[in-house]
Amino acid sequence: AKFVEEALKEGLGGLKGHRSVGGCRASIYNATGIEALRALVEFMAEFEKKHG
């Protein structure tokens, strides 16, 4: 929940948490641009530094 909330604040969408087992799923398709993927990877790295 915290990951998805912070991601949305950063303008990252298409993310959902799994209600029964936790974790997160990113909906990434062929039409997703490389810059969007880089932004997600960068956000994930920063989130891990803060909360990991």
PDB file of N, CA and C in Angstrom:
ATOM      1  N   ALA A   1       0.821  -1.190   0.000  1.00  0.00           N
ATOM      2  CA  ALA A   1       0.000   0.000   0.000  1.00  0.00           C
ATOM      3  C   ALA A   1       0.868   1.258   0.000  1.00  0.00           C
ATOM      4  N   LYS A   2       1.890   1.286   0.840  1.00  0.00           N
ATOM      5  CA  LYS A   2       2.754   2.464   0.919  1.00  0.00           C
ATOM      6  C   LYS A   2       3.492   2.674  -0.408  1.00  0.00           C
ATOM      7  N   PHE A   3       3.976   1.583  -1.009  1.00  0.00           N
ATOM      8  CA  PHE A   3       4.687   1.671  -2.284  1.00  0.00           C
ATOM      9  C   PHE A   3       3.780   2.272  -3.354  1.00  0.00           C
ATOM     10  N   VAL A   4       2.571   1.743  -3.477  1.00  0.00           N
ATOM     11  CA  VAL A   4       1.640   2.227  -4.496  1.00  0.00           C
ATOM     12  C   VAL A   4       1.258   3.676  -4.227  1.00  0.00           C
ATOM     13  N   GLU A   5       1.004   4.031  -2.972  1.00  0.00           N
ATOM     14  CA  GLU A   5       0.650   5.415  -2.620  1.00  0.00           C
ATOM     15  C   GLU A   5       1.757   6.381  -3.014  1.00  0.00           C
ATOM     16  N   GLU A   6       2.998   6.052  -2.660  1.00  0.00           N
ATOM     17  CA  GLU A   6       4.123   6.934  -2.987  1.00  0.00           C
ATOM     18  C   GLU A   6       4.363   6.987  -4.490  1.00  0.00           C
ATOM     19  N   ALA A   7       4.183   5.865  -5.174  1.00  0.00           N
ATOM     20  CA  ALA A   7       4.355   5.837  -6.627  1.00  0.00           C
ATOM     21  C   ALA A   7       3.341   6.753  -7.300  1.00  0.00           C
ATOM     22  N   LEU A   8       2.099   6.712  -6.855  1.00  0.00           N
ATOM     23  CA  LEU A   8       1.070   7.579  -7.432  1.00  0.00           C
ATOM     24  C   LEU A   8       1.407   9.049  -7.229  1.00  0.00           C
ATOM     25  N   LYS A   9       1.963   9.394  -6.066  1.00  0.00           N
ATOM     26  CA  LYS A   9       2.378  10.779  -5.811  1.00  0.00           C
ATOM     27  C   LYS A   9       3.470  11.217  -6.778  1.00  0.00           C
ATOM     28  N   GLU A  10       4.275  10.256  -7.245  1.00  0.00           N
ATOM     29  CA  GLU A  10       5.352  10.545  -8.196  1.00  0.00           C
ATOM     30  C   GLU A  10       4.874  10.469  -9.648  1.00  0.00           C
ATOM     31  N   GLY A  11       3.579  10.228  -9.844  1.00  0.00           N
ATOM     32  CA  GLY A  11       3.023  10.174 -11.193  1.00  0.00           C
ATOM     33  C   GLY A  11       3.141   8.821 -11.864  1.00  0.00           C
ATOM     34  N   LEU A  12       3.432   7.788 -11.092  1.00  0.00           N
ATOM     35  CA  LEU A  12       3.545   6.441 -11.647  1.00  0.00           C
ATOM     36  C   LEU A  12       2.228   5.703 -11.431  1.00  0.00           C
ATOM     37  N   GLY A  13       1.616   5.259 -12.501  1.00  0.00           N
ATOM     38  CA  GLY A  13       0.349   4.540 -12.411  1.00  0.00           C
ATOM     39  C   GLY A  13       0.501   3.116 -12.916  1.00  0.00           C
ATOM     40  N   GLY A  14      -0.600   2.397 -12.979  1.00  0.00           N
ATOM     41  CA  GLY A  14      -0.579   1.021 -13.461  1.00  0.00           C
ATOM     42  C   GLY A  14       0.000   0.040 -12.458  1.00  0.00           C
ATOM     43  N   LEU A  15       0.037   0.440 -11.170  1.00  0.00           N
ATOM     44  CA  LEU A  15       0.580  -0.429 -10.125  1.00  0.00           C
ATOM     45  C   LEU A  15      -0.547  -0.857  -9.205  1.00  0.00           C
ATOM     46  N   LYS A  16      -0.510  -2.119  -8.800  1.00  0.00           N
ATOM     47  CA  LYS A  16      -1.520  -2.632  -7.872  1.00  0.00           C
ATOM     48  C   LYS A  16      -0.854  -3.543  -6.871  1.00  0.00           C
ATOM     49  N   GLY A  17      -1.336  -3.486  -5.642  1.00  0.00           N
ATOM     50  CA  GLY A  17      -0.896  -4.419  -4.619  1.00  0.00           C
ATOM     51  C   GLY A  17      -1.741  -5.681  -4.678  1.00  0.00           C
ATOM     52  N   HIS A  18      -1.205  -6.786  -4.185  1.00  0.00           N
ATOM     53  CA  HIS A  18      -1.965  -8.035  -4.139  1.00  0.00           C
ATOM     54  C   HIS A  18      -2.603  -8.158  -2.771  1.00  0.00           C
ATOM     55  N   ARG A  19      -3.921  -8.234  -2.713  1.00  0.00           N
ATOM     56  CA  ARG A  19      -4.626  -8.150  -1.428  1.00  0.00           C
ATOM     57  C   ARG A  19      -4.377  -9.320  -0.495  1.00  0.00           C
ATOM     58  N   SER A  20      -4.086 -10.510  -1.003  1.00  0.00           N
ATOM     59  CA  SER A  20      -3.945 -11.643  -0.086  1.00  0.00           C
ATOM     60  C   SER A  20      -2.503 -12.014   0.241  1.00  0.00           C
ATOM     61  N   VAL A  21      -1.567 -11.754  -0.662  1.00  0.00           N
ATOM     62  CA  VAL A  21      -0.177 -12.151  -0.395  1.00  0.00           C
ATOM     63  C   VAL A  21       0.794 -10.984  -0.320  1.00  0.00           C
ATOM     64  N   GLY A  22       0.315  -9.774  -0.568  1.00  0.00           N
ATOM     65  CA  GLY A  22       1.207  -8.619  -0.552  1.00  0.00           C
ATOM     66  C   GLY A  22       1.946  -8.487  -1.871  1.00  0.00           C
ATOM     67  N   GLY A  23       2.998  -7.715  -1.862  1.00  0.00           N
ATOM     68  CA  GLY A  23       3.754  -7.510  -3.091  1.00  0.00           C
ATOM     69  C   GLY A  23       3.100  -6.475  -3.983  1.00  0.00           C
ATOM     70  N   CYS A  24       3.619  -6.352  -5.187  1.00  0.00           N
ATOM     71  CA  CYS A  24       3.119  -5.355  -6.119  1.00  0.00           C
ATOM     72  C   CYS A  24       3.245  -5.880  -7.536  1.00  0.00           C
ATOM     73  N   ARG A  25       2.317  -5.471  -8.384  1.00  0.00           N
ATOM     74  CA  ARG A  25       2.342  -5.855  -9.788  1.00  0.00           C
ATOM     75  C   ARG A  25       2.354  -4.586 -10.629  1.00  0.00           C
ATOM     76  N   ALA A  26       3.231  -4.553 -11.611  1.00  0.00           N
ATOM     77  CA  ALA A  26       3.276  -3.431 -12.554  1.00  0.00           C
ATOM     78  C   ALA A  26       2.739  -3.917 -13.895  1.00  0.00           C
ATOM     79  N   SER A  27       1.775  -3.203 -14.454  1.00  0.00           N
ATOM     80  CA  SER A  27       1.241  -3.540 -15.771  1.00  0.00           C
ATOM     81  C   SER A  27       2.127  -2.878 -16.820  1.00  0.00           C
ATOM     82  N   ILE A  28       3.033  -3.666 -17.382  1.00  0.00           N
ATOM     83  CA  ILE A  28       3.984  -3.153 -18.374  1.00  0.00           C
ATOM     84  C   ILE A  28       3.740  -3.895 -19.687  1.00  0.00           C
ATOM     85  N   TYR A  29       3.437  -3.143 -20.722  1.00  0.00           N
ATOM     86  CA  TYR A  29       3.151  -3.721 -22.026  1.00  0.00           C
ATOM     87  C   TYR A  29       4.147  -3.184 -23.050  1.00  0.00           C
ATOM     88  N   ASN A  30       4.113  -3.737 -24.247  1.00  0.00           N
ATOM     89  CA  ASN A  30       5.033  -3.312 -25.304  1.00  0.00           C
ATOM     90  C   ASN A  30       4.950  -1.816 -25.581  1.00  0.00           C
ATOM     91  N   ALA A  31       3.772  -1.240 -25.401  1.00  0.00           N
ATOM     92  CA  ALA A  31       3.601   0.188 -25.689  1.00  0.00           C
ATOM     93  C   ALA A  31       4.158   1.083 -24.586  1.00  0.00           C
ATOM     94  N   THR A  32       4.569   0.508 -23.473  1.00  0.00           N
ATOM     95  CA  THR A  32       5.144   1.296 -22.384  1.00  0.00           C
ATOM     96  C   THR A  32       6.520   1.789 -22.820  1.00  0.00           C
ATOM     97  N   GLY A  33       6.714   3.088 -22.775  1.00  0.00           N
ATOM     98  CA  GLY A  33       7.980   3.667 -23.221  1.00  0.00           C
ATOM     99  C   GLY A  33       9.130   3.386 -22.262  1.00  0.00           C
ATOM    100  N   ILE A  34      10.335   3.422 -22.802  1.00  0.00           N
ATOM    101  CA  ILE A  34      11.533   3.137 -22.007  1.00  0.00           C
ATOM    102  C   ILE A  34      11.703   4.156 -20.881  1.00  0.00           C
ATOM    103  N   GLU A  35      11.317   5.403 -21.112  1.00  0.00           N
ATOM    104  CA  GLU A  35      11.443   6.421 -20.065  1.00  0.00           C
ATOM    105  C   GLU A  35      10.526   6.115 -18.884  1.00  0.00           C
ATOM    106  N   ALA A  36       9.335   5.605 -19.159  1.00  0.00           N
ATOM    107  CA  ALA A  36       8.420   5.225 -18.078  1.00  0.00           C
ATOM    108  C   ALA A  36       9.010   4.076 -17.270  1.00  0.00           C
ATOM    109  N   LEU A  37       9.632   3.139 -17.950  1.00  0.00           N
ATOM    110  CA  LEU A  37      10.258   2.011 -17.249  1.00  0.00           C
ATOM    111  C   LEU A  37      11.441   2.474 -16.411  1.00  0.00           C
ATOM    112  N   ARG A  38      12.230   3.377 -16.957  1.00  0.00           N
ATOM    113  CA  ARG A  38      13.364   3.925 -16.194  1.00  0.00           C
ATOM    114  C   ARG A  38      12.873   4.662 -14.948  1.00  0.00           C
ATOM    115  N   ALA A  39      11.792   5.418 -15.099  1.00  0.00           N
ATOM    116  CA  ALA A  39      11.232   6.146 -13.953  1.00  0.00           C
ATOM    117  C   ALA A  39      10.775   5.170 -12.874  1.00  0.00           C
ATOM    118  N   LEU A  40      10.165   4.058 -13.273  1.00  0.00           N
ATOM    119  CA  LEU A  40       9.721   3.057 -12.305  1.00  0.00           C
ATOM    120  C   LEU A  40      10.912   2.418 -11.601  1.00  0.00           C
ATOM    121  N   VAL A  41      11.931   2.052 -12.351  1.00  0.00           N
ATOM    122  CA  VAL A  41      13.124   1.434 -11.763  1.00  0.00           C
ATOM    123  C   VAL A  41      13.798   2.397 -10.790  1.00  0.00           C
ATOM    124  N   GLU A  42      13.910   3.660 -11.172  1.00  0.00           N
ATOM    125  CA  GLU A  42      14.514   4.671 -10.298  1.00  0.00           C
ATOM    126  C   GLU A  42      13.693   4.839  -9.016  1.00  0.00           C
ATOM    127  N   PHE A  43      12.368   4.896  -9.169  1.00  0.00           N
ATOM    128  CA  PHE A  43      11.509   5.017  -7.995  1.00  0.00           C
ATOM    129  C   PHE A  43      11.673   3.805  -7.084  1.00  0.00           C
ATOM    130  N   MET A  44      11.720   2.614  -7.662  1.00  0.00           N
ATOM    131  CA  MET A  44      11.867   1.393  -6.860  1.00  0.00           C
ATOM    132  C   MET A  44      13.178   1.407  -6.076  1.00  0.00           C
ATOM    133  N   ALA A  45      14.247   1.854  -6.708  1.00  0.00           N
ATOM    134  CA  ALA A  45      15.548   1.913  -6.032  1.00  0.00           C
ATOM    135  C   ALA A  45      15.506   2.908  -4.871  1.00  0.00           C
ATOM    136  N   GLU A  46      14.906   4.077  -5.097  1.00  0.00           N
ATOM    137  CA  GLU A  46      14.800   5.084  -4.037  1.00  0.00           C
ATOM    138  C   GLU A  46      13.898   4.594  -2.900  1.00  0.00           C
ATOM    139  N   PHE A  47      12.820   3.934  -3.253  1.00  0.00           N
ATOM    140  CA  PHE A  47      11.914   3.407  -2.231  1.00  0.00           C
ATOM    141  C   PHE A  47      12.638   2.373  -1.369  1.00  0.00           C
ATOM    142  N   GLU A  48      13.412   1.520  -2.000  1.00  0.00           N
ATOM    143  CA  GLU A  48      14.167   0.511  -1.250  1.00  0.00           C
ATOM    144  C   GLU A  48      15.166   1.163  -0.297  1.00  0.00           C
ATOM    145  N   LYS A  49      15.843   2.222  -0.759  1.00  0.00           N
ATOM    146  CA  LYS A  49      16.798   2.930   0.107  1.00  0.00           C
ATOM    147  C   LYS A  49      16.106   3.509   1.337  1.00  0.00           C
ATOM    148  N   LYS A  50      14.916   4.079   1.138  1.00  0.00           N
ATOM    149  CA  LYS A  50      14.182   4.707   2.240  1.00  0.00           C
ATOM    150  C   LYS A  50      13.552   3.696   3.192  1.00  0.00           C
ATOM    151  N   HIS A  51      13.012   2.625   2.629  1.00  0.00           N
ATOM    152  CA  HIS A  51      12.178   1.715   3.417  1.00  0.00           C
ATOM    153  C   HIS A  51      12.742   0.305   3.548  1.00  0.00           C
ATOM    154  N   GLY A  52      13.821   0.025   2.831  1.00  0.00           N
ATOM    155  CA  GLY A  52      14.346  -1.346   2.800  1.00  0.00           C
ATOM    156  C   GLY A  52      15.189  -1.637   3.945  1.00  0.00           C
TER     157      GLY A  52
END
